[in-house]
Amino acid sequence: MKSVVFAVVAISAPLAAQWLNYPTKDIPRTADGKPSLSAPAPKTADGKPDLSGMWEGSFKYLQTS
């Protein structure tokens, strides 16, 4: 049973990294096509920062060392 759990975790862990080259639309880019990290945050209609979008959780709590 432990080997099955280990296999599922070992296979599913790399799946989180599969979105690395996903072309996210509507983000500001530099002249060479890379995301502009110094661009201002998008704003909502009322002028507040728009925090909607793609969010990924931290899996630090799963690490055992």
PDB file of N, CA and C in Angstrom:
ATOM      1  N   MET A   1       0.820  -1.195   0.000  1.00  0.00           N
ATOM      2  CA  MET A   1       0.000   0.000   0.000  1.00  0.00           C
ATOM      3  C   MET A   1       0.864   1.258   0.000  1.00  0.00           C
ATOM      4  N   LYS A   2       1.959   1.237   0.753  1.00  0.00           N
ATOM      5  CA  LYS A   2       2.838   2.398   0.795  1.00  0.00           C
ATOM      6  C   LYS A   2       3.461   2.666  -0.570  1.00  0.00           C
ATOM      7  N   SER A   3       3.749   1.609  -1.308  1.00  0.00           N
ATOM      8  CA  SER A   3       4.355   1.798  -2.628  1.00  0.00           C
ATOM      9  C   SER A   3       3.358   2.420  -3.606  1.00  0.00           C
ATOM     10  N   VAL A   4       2.081   2.111  -3.457  1.00  0.00           N
ATOM     11  CA  VAL A   4       1.064   2.719  -4.319  1.00  0.00           C
ATOM     12  C   VAL A   4       0.944   4.206  -4.014  1.00  0.00           C
ATOM     13  N   VAL A   5       0.906   4.555  -2.741  1.00  0.00           N
ATOM     14  CA  VAL A   5       0.832   5.966  -2.352  1.00  0.00           C
ATOM     15  C   VAL A   5       2.070   6.707  -2.833  1.00  0.00           C
ATOM     16  N   PHE A   6       3.224   6.112  -2.670  1.00  0.00           N
ATOM     17  CA  PHE A   6       4.458   6.737  -3.131  1.00  0.00           C
ATOM     18  C   PHE A   6       4.427   6.938  -4.648  1.00  0.00           C
ATOM     19  N   ALA A   7       3.954   5.941  -5.387  1.00  0.00           N
ATOM     20  CA  ALA A   7       3.890   6.051  -6.846  1.00  0.00           C
ATOM     21  C   ALA A   7       2.946   7.163  -7.273  1.00  0.00           C
ATOM     22  N   VAL A   8       1.803   7.290  -6.626  1.00  0.00           N
ATOM     23  CA  VAL A   8       0.844   8.344  -6.966  1.00  0.00           C
ATOM     24  C   VAL A   8       1.444   9.716  -6.690  1.00  0.00           C
ATOM     25  N   VAL A   9       2.097   9.867  -5.552  1.00  0.00           N
ATOM     26  CA  VAL A   9       2.717  11.154  -5.215  1.00  0.00           C
ATOM     27  C   VAL A   9       3.873  11.457  -6.168  1.00  0.00           C
ATOM     28  N   ALA A  10       4.683  10.477  -6.476  1.00  0.00           N
ATOM     29  CA  ALA A  10       5.833  10.681  -7.357  1.00  0.00           C
ATOM     30  C   ALA A  10       5.397  11.056  -8.771  1.00  0.00           C
ATOM     31  N   ILE A  11       4.299  10.500  -9.221  1.00  0.00           N
ATOM     32  CA  ILE A  11       3.808  10.810 -10.570  1.00  0.00           C
ATOM     33  C   ILE A  11       3.078  12.149 -10.599  1.00  0.00           C
ATOM     34  N   SER A  12       2.335  12.469  -9.567  1.00  0.00           N
ATOM     35  CA  SER A  12       1.542  13.690  -9.584  1.00  0.00           C
ATOM     36  C   SER A  12       2.364  14.934  -9.268  1.00  0.00           C
ATOM     37  N   ALA A  13       3.473  14.808  -8.586  1.00  0.00           N
ATOM     38  CA  ALA A  13       4.294  15.978  -8.263  1.00  0.00           C
ATOM     39  C   ALA A  13       4.802  16.700  -9.513  1.00  0.00           C
ATOM     40  N   PRO A  14       5.328  16.011 -10.522  1.00  0.00           N
ATOM     41  CA  PRO A  14       5.778  16.720 -11.725  1.00  0.00           C
ATOM     42  C   PRO A  14       4.640  17.318 -12.546  1.00  0.00           C
ATOM     43  N   LEU A  15       3.420  16.884 -12.334  1.00  0.00           N
ATOM     44  CA  LEU A  15       2.302  17.417 -13.107  1.00  0.00           C
ATOM     45  C   LEU A  15       2.068  18.895 -12.825  1.00  0.00           C
ATOM     46  N   ALA A  16       2.398  19.358 -11.632  1.00  0.00           N
ATOM     47  CA  ALA A  16       2.217  20.769 -11.306  1.00  0.00           C
ATOM     48  C   ALA A  16       3.131  21.659 -12.142  1.00  0.00           C
ATOM     49  N   ALA A  17       4.220  21.138 -12.608  1.00  0.00           N
ATOM     50  CA  ALA A  17       5.166  21.931 -13.392  1.00  0.00           C
ATOM     51  C   ALA A  17       4.845  21.933 -14.880  1.00  0.00           C
ATOM     52  N   GLN A  18       3.803  21.276 -15.297  1.00  0.00           N
ATOM     53  CA  GLN A  18       3.494  21.183 -16.710  1.00  0.00           C
ATOM     54  C   GLN A  18       2.963  22.487 -17.300  1.00  0.00           C
ATOM     55  N   TRP A  19       2.611  23.457 -16.483  1.00  0.00           N
ATOM     56  CA  TRP A  19       2.097  24.726 -16.980  1.00  0.00           C
ATOM     57  C   TRP A  19       3.198  25.755 -17.180  1.00  0.00           C
ATOM     58  N   LEU A  20       4.452  25.352 -17.109  1.00  0.00           N
ATOM     59  CA  LEU A  20       5.562  26.285 -17.200  1.00  0.00           C
ATOM     60  C   LEU A  20       5.566  27.074 -18.501  1.00  0.00           C
ATOM     61  N   ASN A  21       5.312  26.437 -19.616  1.00  0.00           N
ATOM     62  CA  ASN A  21       5.350  27.107 -20.912  1.00  0.00           C
ATOM     63  C   ASN A  21       3.964  27.452 -21.442  1.00  0.00           C
ATOM     64  N   TYR A  22       2.970  27.484 -20.569  1.00  0.00           N
ATOM     65  CA  TYR A  22       1.616  27.827 -20.983  1.00  0.00           C
ATOM     66  C   TYR A  22       1.557  29.316 -21.309  1.00  0.00           C
ATOM     67  N   PRO A  23       1.154  29.683 -22.524  1.00  0.00           N
ATOM     68  CA  PRO A  23       1.135  31.100 -22.904  1.00  0.00           C
ATOM     69  C   PRO A  23      -0.042  31.834 -22.272  1.00  0.00           C
ATOM     70  N   THR A  24       0.183  32.516 -21.183  1.00  0.00           N
ATOM     71  CA  THR A  24      -0.859  33.271 -20.514  1.00  0.00           C
ATOM     72  C   THR A  24      -1.129  34.546 -21.294  1.00  0.00           C
ATOM     73  N   LYS A  25      -2.372  34.743 -21.693  1.00  0.00           N
ATOM     74  CA  LYS A  25      -2.708  35.940 -22.457  1.00  0.00           C
ATOM     75  C   LYS A  25      -2.941  37.118 -21.511  1.00  0.00           C
ATOM     76  N   ASP A  26      -2.950  38.295 -22.060  1.00  0.00           N
ATOM     77  CA  ASP A  26      -3.256  39.533 -21.338  1.00  0.00           C
ATOM     78  C   ASP A  26      -2.241  39.895 -20.261  1.00  0.00           C
ATOM     79  N   ILE A  27      -0.996  39.445 -20.382  1.00  0.00           N
ATOM     80  CA  ILE A  27       0.024  39.915 -19.459  1.00  0.00           C
ATOM     81  C   ILE A  27       1.002  40.784 -20.243  1.00  0.00           C
ATOM     82  N   PRO A  28       1.476  41.848 -19.636  1.00  0.00           N
ATOM     83  CA  PRO A  28       2.428  42.707 -20.348  1.00  0.00           C
ATOM     84  C   PRO A  28       3.737  41.978 -20.603  1.00  0.00           C
ATOM     85  N   ARG A  29       4.299  42.193 -21.767  1.00  0.00           N
ATOM     86  CA  ARG A  29       5.540  41.517 -22.143  1.00  0.00           C
ATOM     87  C   ARG A  29       6.575  42.540 -22.588  1.00  0.00           C
ATOM     88  N   THR A  30       7.840  42.151 -22.456  1.00  0.00           N
ATOM     89  CA  THR A  30       8.934  42.991 -22.930  1.00  0.00           C
ATOM     90  C   THR A  30       9.082  42.795 -24.438  1.00  0.00           C
ATOM     91  N   ALA A  31      10.003  43.502 -25.040  1.00  0.00           N
ATOM     92  CA  ALA A  31      10.202  43.426 -26.485  1.00  0.00           C
ATOM     93  C   ALA A  31      10.621  42.030 -26.942  1.00  0.00           C
ATOM     94  N   ASP A  32      11.315  41.292 -26.068  1.00  0.00           N
ATOM     95  CA  ASP A  32      11.752  39.945 -26.460  1.00  0.00           C
ATOM     96  C   ASP A  32      10.718  38.858 -26.128  1.00  0.00           C
ATOM     97  N   GLY A  33       9.521  39.236 -25.667  1.00  0.00           N
ATOM     98  CA  GLY A  33       8.444  38.282 -25.434  1.00  0.00           C
ATOM     99  C   GLY A  33       8.347  37.721 -24.034  1.00  0.00           C
ATOM    100  N   LYS A  34       9.265  38.083 -23.159  1.00  0.00           N
ATOM    101  CA  LYS A  34       9.216  37.597 -21.780  1.00  0.00           C
ATOM    102  C   LYS A  34       8.232  38.453 -20.975  1.00  0.00           C
ATOM    103  N   PRO A  35       7.620  37.888 -19.921  1.00  0.00           N
ATOM    104  CA  PRO A  35       6.713  38.687 -19.089  1.00  0.00           C
ATOM    105  C   PRO A  35       7.449  39.856 -18.430  1.00  0.00           C
ATOM    106  N   SER A  36       6.812  41.010 -18.429  1.00  0.00           N
ATOM    107  CA  SER A  36       7.391  42.198 -17.811  1.00  0.00           C
ATOM    108  C   SER A  36       7.069  42.184 -16.321  1.00  0.00           C
ATOM    109  N   LEU A  37       8.074  41.906 -15.506  1.00  0.00           N
ATOM    110  CA  LEU A  37       7.874  41.816 -14.060  1.00  0.00           C
ATOM    111  C   LEU A  37       7.786  43.180 -13.392  1.00  0.00           C
ATOM    112  N   SER A  38       8.136  44.233 -14.107  1.00  0.00           N
ATOM    113  CA  SER A  38       8.056  45.575 -13.542  1.00  0.00           C
ATOM    114  C   SER A  38       6.804  46.320 -13.989  1.00  0.00           C
ATOM    115  N   ALA A  39       5.913  45.662 -14.686  1.00  0.00           N
ATOM    116  CA  ALA A  39       4.672  46.282 -15.145  1.00  0.00           C
ATOM    117  C   ALA A  39       3.736  46.512 -13.957  1.00  0.00           C
ATOM    118  N   PRO A  40       2.910  47.545 -14.020  1.00  0.00           N
ATOM    119  CA  PRO A  40       1.966  47.774 -12.922  1.00  0.00           C
ATOM    120  C   PRO A  40       0.898  46.691 -12.882  1.00  0.00           C
ATOM    121  N   ALA A  41       0.337  46.483 -11.702  1.00  0.00           N
ATOM    122  CA  ALA A  41      -0.723  45.480 -11.545  1.00  0.00           C
ATOM    123  C   ALA A  41      -1.967  45.931 -12.294  1.00  0.00           C
ATOM    124  N   PRO A  42      -2.714  44.984 -12.878  1.00  0.00           N
ATOM    125  CA  PRO A  42      -3.964  45.377 -13.537  1.00  0.00           C
ATOM    126  C   PRO A  42      -4.952  45.907 -12.508  1.00  0.00           C
ATOM    127  N   LYS A  43      -5.814  46.794 -12.942  1.00  0.00           N
ATOM    128  CA  LYS A  43      -6.777  47.432 -12.041  1.00  0.00           C
ATOM    129  C   LYS A  43      -8.199  47.024 -12.404  1.00  0.00           C
ATOM    130  N   THR A  44      -9.059  46.986 -11.390  1.00  0.00           N
ATOM    131  CA  THR A  44     -10.479  46.742 -11.613  1.00  0.00           C
ATOM    132  C   THR A  44     -11.131  48.057 -11.996  1.00  0.00           C
ATOM    133  N   ALA A  45     -12.452  48.038 -12.246  1.00  0.00           N
ATOM    134  CA  ALA A  45     -13.161  49.246 -12.657  1.00  0.00           C
ATOM    135  C   ALA A  45     -13.123  50.335 -11.581  1.00  0.00           C
ATOM    136  N   ASP A  46     -13.017  49.938 -10.315  1.00  0.00           N
ATOM    137  CA  ASP A  46     -12.979  50.941  -9.238  1.00  0.00           C
ATOM    138  C   ASP A  46     -11.561  51.373  -8.883  1.00  0.00           C
ATOM    139  N   GLY A  47     -10.560  50.941  -9.646  1.00  0.00           N
ATOM    140  CA  GLY A  47      -9.191  51.392  -9.451  1.00  0.00           C
ATOM    141  C   GLY A  47      -8.359  50.566  -8.487  1.00  0.00           C
ATOM    142  N   LYS A  48      -8.928  49.530  -7.926  1.00  0.00           N
ATOM    143  CA  LYS A  48      -8.188  48.673  -6.999  1.00  0.00           C
ATOM    144  C   LYS A  48      -7.447  47.595  -7.782  1.00  0.00           C
ATOM    145  N   PRO A  49      -6.370  47.040  -7.228  1.00  0.00           N
ATOM    146  CA  PRO A  49      -5.632  45.980  -7.940  1.00  0.00           C
ATOM    147  C   PRO A  49      -6.513  44.764  -8.199  1.00  0.00           C
ATOM    148  N   ASP A  50      -6.427  44.233  -9.402  1.00  0.00           N
ATOM    149  CA  ASP A  50      -7.196  43.048  -9.789  1.00  0.00           C
ATOM    150  C   ASP A  50      -6.381  41.815  -9.416  1.00  0.00           C
ATOM    151  N   LEU A  51      -6.813  41.117  -8.390  1.00  0.00           N
ATOM    152  CA  LEU A  51      -6.089  39.955  -7.892  1.00  0.00           C
ATOM    153  C   LEU A  51      -6.675  38.641  -8.395  1.00  0.00           C
ATOM    154  N   SER A  52      -7.584  38.700  -9.341  1.00  0.00           N
ATOM    155  CA  SER A  52      -8.121  37.466  -9.910  1.00  0.00           C
ATOM    156  C   SER A  52      -7.108  36.908 -10.893  1.00  0.00           C
ATOM    157  N   GLY A  53      -7.230  35.653 -11.207  1.00  0.00           N
ATOM    158  CA  GLY A  53      -6.312  35.058 -12.170  1.00  0.00           C
ATOM    159  C   GLY A  53      -5.854  33.697 -11.720  1.00  0.00           C
ATOM    160  N   MET A  54      -4.721  33.290 -12.249  1.00  0.00           N
ATOM    161  CA  MET A  54      -4.187  31.963 -11.941  1.00  0.00           C
ATOM    162  C   MET A  54      -3.406  32.018 -10.635  1.00  0.00           C
ATOM    163  N   TRP A  55      -3.799  31.193  -9.683  1.00  0.00           N
ATOM    164  CA  TRP A  55      -3.123  31.121  -8.398  1.00  0.00           C
ATOM    165  C   TRP A  55      -2.704  29.688  -8.161  1.00  0.00           C
ATOM    166  N   GLU A  56      -1.509  29.496  -7.662  1.00  0.00           N
ATOM    167  CA  GLU A  56      -1.025  28.171  -7.300  1.00  0.00           C
ATOM    168  C   GLU A  56      -0.641  28.180  -5.831  1.00  0.00           C
ATOM    169  N   GLY A  57      -1.041  27.143  -5.146  1.00  0.00           N
ATOM    170  CA  GLY A  57      -0.687  27.023  -3.746  1.00  0.00           C
ATOM    171  C   GLY A  57       0.732  26.562  -3.565  1.00  0.00           C
ATOM    172  N   SER A  58       1.237  26.774  -2.392  1.00  0.00           N
ATOM    173  CA  SER A  58       2.580  26.319  -2.059  1.00  0.00           C
ATOM    174  C   SER A  58       2.490  24.911  -1.489  1.00  0.00           C
ATOM    175  N   PHE A  59       3.342  24.041  -1.969  1.00  0.00           N
ATOM    176  CA  PHE A  59       3.346  22.671  -1.496  1.00  0.00           C
ATOM    177  C   PHE A  59       4.452  22.432  -0.470  1.00  0.00           C
ATOM    178  N   LYS A  60       4.886  23.479   0.194  1.00  0.00           N
ATOM    179  CA  LYS A  60       5.956  23.356   1.175  1.00  0.00           C
ATOM    180  C   LYS A  60       5.554  22.458   2.347  1.00  0.00           C
ATOM    181  N   TYR A  61       4.263  22.459   2.670  1.00  0.00           N
ATOM    182  CA  TYR A  61       3.820  21.643   3.802  1.00  0.00           C
ATOM    183  C   TYR A  61       3.887  20.163   3.495  1.00  0.00           C
ATOM    184  N   LEU A  62       4.036  19.772   2.223  1.00  0.00           N
ATOM    185  CA  LEU A  62       4.148  18.361   1.874  1.00  0.00           C
ATOM    186  C   LEU A  62       5.575  17.845   1.945  1.00  0.00           C
ATOM    187  N   GLN A  63       6.547  18.761   1.998  1.00  0.00           N
ATOM    188  CA  GLN A  63       7.950  18.346   2.005  1.00  0.00           C
ATOM    189  C   GLN A  63       8.326  17.817   3.381  1.00  0.00           C
ATOM    190  N   THR A  64       9.031  16.720   3.377  1.00  0.00           N
ATOM    191  CA  THR A  64       9.528  16.162   4.637  1.00  0.00           C
ATOM    192  C   THR A  64      11.039  16.075   4.566  1.00  0.00           C
ATOM    193  N   SER A  65      11.671  16.722   5.493  1.00  0.00           N
ATOM    194  CA  SER A  65      13.140  16.645   5.520  1.00  0.00           C
ATOM    195  C   SER A  65      13.663  16.832   6.924  1.00  0.00           C
TER     196      SER A  65
END
